[in-house]
Protein backbone atom coordinates (compact mmCIF):
# COMPACT_ATOMS: atom_id res chain seq x y z
CA MET A 1 10.33 -38.15 0.14
CA ARG A 2 10.22 -35.44 2.71
CA GLY A 3 7.04 -33.38 2.76
CA SER A 4 5.11 -35.60 0.39
CA ARG A 5 2.33 -36.22 2.94
CA THR A 6 1.37 -32.55 3.45
CA PRO A 7 0.04 -30.08 0.94
CA ALA A 8 2.16 -27.12 -0.08
CA LEU A 9 1.23 -23.91 1.69
CA ARG A 10 0.74 -20.97 -0.66
CA PRO A 11 -0.17 -17.57 0.60
CA LEU A 12 -3.31 -16.11 -0.93
CA THR A 13 -2.59 -12.79 -2.57
CA THR A 14 -5.04 -10.07 -3.61
CA ASP A 15 -5.34 -8.53 -7.06
CA LEU A 16 -3.55 -5.44 -5.79
CA GLN A 17 -0.62 -7.53 -4.58
CA ASN A 18 -0.45 -9.37 -7.87
CA LYS A 19 -0.47 -6.05 -9.72
CA LEU A 20 2.40 -4.75 -7.55
CA ARG A 21 4.46 -7.85 -8.35
CA GLY A 22 4.10 -7.04 -12.02
CA LEU A 23 5.58 -3.57 -11.65
CA SER A 24 9.18 -2.72 -12.40
CA ARG A 25 11.69 -2.21 -9.58
CA HIS A 26 11.62 1.54 -10.17
CA ARG A 27 7.83 1.69 -9.77
CA ARG A 28 7.91 -0.51 -6.69
CA GLY A 29 10.51 1.87 -5.27
CA LYS A 30 8.11 4.78 -5.82
CA VAL A 31 5.37 2.89 -3.97
CA ALA A 32 7.77 2.16 -1.14
CA HIS A 33 8.77 5.82 -0.96
CA ALA A 34 5.11 6.88 -0.86
CA ALA A 35 4.41 4.36 1.91
CA HIS A 36 7.52 5.53 3.91
CA THR A 37 9.07 2.07 3.92
CA THR A 38 11.68 0.02 2.09
CA LEU A 39 11.50 -1.82 -1.20
CA LEU A 40 12.16 -5.07 0.71
CA LYS A 41 8.97 -4.60 2.80
CA VAL A 42 6.94 -3.78 -0.30
CA ASP A 43 8.18 -6.94 -2.01
CA GLN A 44 7.36 -8.99 1.05
CA TRP A 45 3.86 -7.60 1.10
CA ALA A 46 3.39 -8.42 -2.58
CA ARG A 47 4.40 -12.03 -1.94
CA GLY A 48 1.83 -12.34 0.84
CA ASP A 49 4.30 -12.48 3.70
CA GLY A 50 3.19 -11.30 7.11
CA LEU A 51 3.68 -7.63 7.90
CA PRO A 52 2.29 -5.35 10.63
CA ALA A 53 -1.22 -4.14 9.78
CA ASP A 54 -0.29 -0.43 9.78
CA LEU A 55 2.57 -1.04 7.31
CA ALA A 56 0.42 -3.22 5.06
CA GLY A 57 -2.34 -0.55 5.08
CA ALA A 58 0.22 2.16 4.14
CA ILE A 59 1.53 0.05 1.21
CA GLU A 60 -2.06 -0.60 0.07
CA ARG A 61 -2.98 3.12 0.24
CA ALA A 62 0.20 4.02 -1.73
CA MET A 63 -0.60 1.43 -4.35
CA LEU A 64 -4.19 2.65 -4.69
CA GLY A 65 -2.95 6.23 -4.96
CA ALA A 66 -0.56 5.26 -7.73
CA ALA A 67 -3.37 3.45 -9.60
CA GLU A 68 -5.64 6.48 -9.20
CA ARG A 69 -3.02 8.89 -10.57
CA LYS A 70 -2.44 6.54 -13.50
CA SER A 71 -6.13 6.39 -14.38
CA LYS A 72 -6.41 10.19 -14.18
CA ALA A 73 -3.45 10.53 -16.54
CA LYS A 74 -5.08 8.24 -19.09
CA THR A 75 -8.35 10.21 -19.12
CA ALA A 76 -6.64 13.60 -19.39
């Protein structure tokens, strides 16, 4: 069997990336719009694929901003 001698490589994802993967396509699109990028790049970041550091940081900031707005809405 091909590949039976090597372990499967799985990218390690953060809690924020896992949370983004659970969002609907519409919500992921809003995060992409806030980060000034495409939905494809946001989905790649959520899977743990490699992206430039500035783009990954922008997606992370957009995701944190969305989570912050959501928590403010719940308390209000």
